[in-house]
Amino acid sequence: MGLNHDLGALSMRGLFAVVALVLFVCLPVESRAADGRSYRVHGQVVAVNVAQTPHTIVVKTPLSKHNDMTVGAKVTGQTKVTRKGKRVGLQTIRVGETVWLTYVKQRDGVFAQVIQAQ
């Protein structure tokens, strides 16, 4: 069990590292600057990290039949996480669940503003 747990933790860290790298490399330099605009996506949770700070969520949302977009966002104390209109903790959000994610791009990263579990 210890080896499987260690491999799972390594693969989760690897997933977050890959998502962060892809987001950084794929964004044009102008987009990396402080934007401050809010965006909203509807999709499936592919990862949630509450074991490390900052907490993070990764959501995959379809853009077209054969094209998806993956959004990774930091979850802070200001992030509102809800299920059926009631506030819940990020740890209750599960991989595979469908959510609405409202996020903002800033100079120092992508931050979740609202996570609404379906």
C-alpha atoms as a PDB file:
ATOM      1  CA  MET A   1       0.000   0.000   0.000  1.00  0.00           C
ATOM      2  CA  GLY A   2       2.839   2.430   0.785  1.00  0.00           C
ATOM      3  CA  LEU A   3       4.344   2.137  -2.700  1.00  0.00           C
ATOM      4  CA  ASN A   4       0.971   2.672  -4.425  1.00  0.00           C
ATOM      5  CA  HIS A   5       0.283   5.707  -2.217  1.00  0.00           C
ATOM      6  CA  ASP A   6       3.729   7.153  -3.041  1.00  0.00           C
ATOM      7  CA  LEU A   7       3.194   6.560  -6.779  1.00  0.00           C
ATOM      8  CA  GLY A   8      -0.234   8.226  -6.602  1.00  0.00           C
ATOM      9  CA  ALA A   9       1.240  11.275  -4.891  1.00  0.00           C
ATOM     10  CA  LEU A  10       4.028  11.446  -7.473  1.00  0.00           C
ATOM     11  CA  SER A  11       1.607  11.177 -10.384  1.00  0.00           C
ATOM     12  CA  MET A  12      -0.631  13.911  -8.878  1.00  0.00           C
ATOM     13  CA  ARG A  13       2.394  16.215  -8.459  1.00  0.00           C
ATOM     14  CA  GLY A  14       3.435  15.379 -12.001  1.00  0.00           C
ATOM     15  CA  LEU A  15      -0.038  16.233 -13.333  1.00  0.00           C
ATOM     16  CA  PHE A  16       0.010  19.626 -11.640  1.00  0.00           C
ATOM     17  CA  ALA A  17       3.520  20.328 -12.891  1.00  0.00           C
ATOM     18  CA  VAL A  18       2.547  19.439 -16.467  1.00  0.00           C
ATOM     19  CA  VAL A  19      -0.642  21.534 -16.345  1.00  0.00           C
ATOM     20  CA  ALA A  20       1.242  24.525 -14.950  1.00  0.00           C
ATOM     21  CA  LEU A  21       3.971  24.200 -17.576  1.00  0.00           C
ATOM     22  CA  VAL A  22       1.467  23.859 -20.438  1.00  0.00           C
ATOM     23  CA  LEU A  23      -0.489  26.894 -19.244  1.00  0.00           C
ATOM     24  CA  PHE A  24       2.706  28.953 -18.953  1.00  0.00           C
ATOM     25  CA  VAL A  25       4.172  27.917 -22.304  1.00  0.00           C
ATOM     26  CA  CYS A  26       0.927  28.157 -24.299  1.00  0.00           C
ATOM     27  CA  LEU A  27      -0.087  31.615 -23.128  1.00  0.00           C
ATOM     28  CA  PRO A  28       1.297  34.516 -25.150  1.00  0.00           C
ATOM     29  CA  VAL A  29       3.535  36.898 -23.214  1.00  0.00           C
ATOM     30  CA  GLU A  30       0.832  39.585 -23.270  1.00  0.00           C
ATOM     31  CA  SER A  31      -1.629  37.195 -21.589  1.00  0.00           C
ATOM     32  CA  ARG A  32       0.772  36.515 -18.736  1.00  0.00           C
ATOM     33  CA  ALA A  33       0.542  40.113 -17.595  1.00  0.00           C
ATOM     34  CA  ALA A  34      -2.071  41.236 -15.108  1.00  0.00           C
ATOM     35  CA  ASP A  35      -5.356  40.815 -16.920  1.00  0.00           C
ATOM     36  CA  GLY A  36      -7.861  40.958 -14.086  1.00  0.00           C
ATOM     37  CA  ARG A  37     -10.743  39.706 -16.254  1.00  0.00           C
ATOM     38  CA  SER A  38     -12.990  36.965 -14.934  1.00  0.00           C
ATOM     39  CA  TYR A  39     -13.720  33.865 -16.989  1.00  0.00           C
ATOM     40  CA  ARG A  40     -16.284  31.117 -16.407  1.00  0.00           C
ATOM     41  CA  VAL A  41     -16.037  27.528 -17.617  1.00  0.00           C
ATOM     42  CA  HIS A  42     -18.189  24.435 -17.174  1.00  0.00           C
ATOM     43  CA  GLY A  43     -16.409  21.120 -17.087  1.00  0.00           C
ATOM     44  CA  GLN A  44     -15.141  18.043 -15.331  1.00  0.00           C
ATOM     45  CA  VAL A  45     -12.737  18.152 -12.398  1.00  0.00           C
ATOM     46  CA  VAL A  46      -9.541  16.302 -13.322  1.00  0.00           C
ATOM     47  CA  ALA A  47      -7.572  17.136 -10.154  1.00  0.00           C
ATOM     48  CA  VAL A  48      -7.950  18.731  -6.730  1.00  0.00           C
ATOM     49  CA  ASN A  49      -4.984  19.386  -4.456  1.00  0.00           C
ATOM     50  CA  VAL A  50      -5.646  20.179  -0.810  1.00  0.00           C
ATOM     51  CA  ALA A  51      -2.440  18.542   0.446  1.00  0.00           C
ATOM     52  CA  GLN A  52      -0.190  21.440  -0.577  1.00  0.00           C
ATOM     53  CA  THR A  53      -0.448  25.203  -0.374  1.00  0.00           C
ATOM     54  CA  PRO A  54      -1.733  26.884  -2.412  1.00  0.00           C
ATOM     55  CA  HIS A  55      -4.661  24.536  -2.898  1.00  0.00           C
ATOM     56  CA  THR A  56      -5.515  24.013  -6.562  1.00  0.00           C
ATOM     57  CA  ILE A  57      -8.241  22.725  -8.845  1.00  0.00           C
ATOM     58  CA  VAL A  58      -7.932  21.602 -12.460  1.00  0.00           C
ATOM     59  CA  VAL A  59     -11.020  21.542 -14.714  1.00  0.00           C
ATOM     60  CA  LYS A  60     -11.262  20.222 -18.281  1.00  0.00           C
ATOM     61  CA  THR A  61     -13.918  21.893 -20.398  1.00  0.00           C
ATOM     62  CA  PRO A  62     -14.918  21.021 -23.980  1.00  0.00           C
ATOM     63  CA  LEU A  63     -14.386  23.733 -26.598  1.00  0.00           C
ATOM     64  CA  SER A  64     -15.592  21.616 -29.519  1.00  0.00           C
ATOM     65  CA  LYS A  65     -16.175  17.963 -30.347  1.00  0.00           C
ATOM     66  CA  HIS A  66     -12.434  17.185 -30.509  1.00  0.00           C
ATOM     67  CA  ASN A  67     -10.908  20.059 -28.567  1.00  0.00           C
ATOM     68  CA  ASP A  68     -10.761  20.608 -24.802  1.00  0.00           C
ATOM     69  CA  MET A  69      -9.302  23.338 -22.625  1.00  0.00           C
ATOM     70  CA  THR A  70      -7.771  22.604 -19.226  1.00  0.00           C
ATOM     71  CA  VAL A  71      -7.790  25.312 -16.555  1.00  0.00           C
ATOM     72  CA  GLY A  72      -5.708  25.037 -13.400  1.00  0.00           C
ATOM     73  CA  ALA A  73      -6.431  27.619 -10.694  1.00  0.00           C
ATOM     74  CA  LYS A  74      -5.209  28.407  -7.194  1.00  0.00           C
ATOM     75  CA  VAL A  75      -7.898  28.205  -4.498  1.00  0.00           C
ATOM     76  CA  THR A  76      -7.560  30.785  -1.721  1.00  0.00           C
ATOM     77  CA  GLY A  77      -9.523  31.811   1.347  1.00  0.00           C
ATOM     78  CA  GLN A  78     -11.443  34.241  -0.864  1.00  0.00           C
ATOM     79  CA  THR A  79     -12.648  31.457  -3.189  1.00  0.00           C
ATOM     80  CA  LYS A  80     -16.338  30.626  -2.734  1.00  0.00           C
ATOM     81  CA  VAL A  81     -16.939  26.854  -3.041  1.00  0.00           C
ATOM     82  CA  THR A  82     -20.597  25.788  -3.161  1.00  0.00           C
ATOM     83  CA  ARG A  83     -22.772  22.736  -3.731  1.00  0.00           C
ATOM     84  CA  LYS A  84     -26.515  23.242  -4.269  1.00  0.00           C
ATOM     85  CA  GLY A  85     -26.191  26.840  -3.068  1.00  0.00           C
ATOM     86  CA  LYS A  86     -24.477  25.988   0.238  1.00  0.00           C
ATOM     87  CA  ARG A  87     -20.825  26.664   1.039  1.00  0.00           C
ATOM     88  CA  VAL A  88     -18.644  23.565   1.250  1.00  0.00           C
ATOM     89  CA  GLY A  89     -14.940  22.888   1.626  1.00  0.00           C
ATOM     90  CA  LEU A  90     -12.693  22.294  -1.370  1.00  0.00           C
ATOM     91  CA  GLN A  91     -11.930  18.816   0.006  1.00  0.00           C
ATOM     92  CA  THR A  92     -15.551  17.801  -0.801  1.00  0.00           C
ATOM     93  CA  ILE A  93     -15.009  18.378  -4.538  1.00  0.00           C
ATOM     94  CA  ARG A  94     -14.145  15.084  -6.249  1.00  0.00           C
ATOM     95  CA  VAL A  95     -12.328  14.179  -9.450  1.00  0.00           C
ATOM     96  CA  GLY A  96     -14.891  13.407 -12.166  1.00  0.00           C
ATOM     97  CA  GLU A  97     -17.459  15.815 -10.758  1.00  0.00           C
ATOM     98  CA  THR A  98     -18.982  18.518 -12.984  1.00  0.00           C
ATOM     99  CA  VAL A  99     -18.446  22.115 -11.851  1.00  0.00           C
ATOM    100  CA  TRP A 100     -18.742  25.721 -12.923  1.00  0.00           C
ATOM    101  CA  LEU A 101     -15.410  27.468 -12.324  1.00  0.00           C
ATOM    102  CA  THR A 102     -15.129  31.248 -12.318  1.00  0.00           C
ATOM    103  CA  TYR A 103     -11.510  32.366 -12.326  1.00  0.00           C
ATOM    104  CA  VAL A 104      -9.383  35.437 -12.849  1.00  0.00           C
ATOM    105  CA  LYS A 105      -5.987  35.693 -14.542  1.00  0.00           C
ATOM    106  CA  GLN A 106      -3.539  37.920 -12.688  1.00  0.00           C
ATOM    107  CA  ARG A 107       0.164  38.638 -12.958  1.00  0.00           C
ATOM    108  CA  ASP A 108       0.939  36.116 -10.211  1.00  0.00           C
ATOM    109  CA  GLY A 109      -1.295  33.299 -11.460  1.00  0.00           C
ATOM    110  CA  VAL A 110      -4.781  32.035 -12.152  1.00  0.00           C
ATOM    111  CA  PHE A 111      -7.113  32.246  -9.146  1.00  0.00           C
ATOM    112  CA  ALA A 112     -10.465  30.547  -8.592  1.00  0.00           C
ATOM    113  CA  GLN A 113     -13.160  33.011  -7.519  1.00  0.00           C
ATOM    114  CA  VAL A 114     -16.139  30.634  -7.430  1.00  0.00           C
ATOM    115  CA  ILE A 115     -16.412  26.833  -7.717  1.00  0.00           C
ATOM    116  CA  GLN A 116     -19.992  25.589  -8.058  1.00  0.00           C
ATOM    117  CA  ALA A 117     -20.441  21.825  -7.837  1.00  0.00           C
ATOM    118  CA  GLN A 118     -23.462  20.462  -9.684  1.00  0.00           C
END
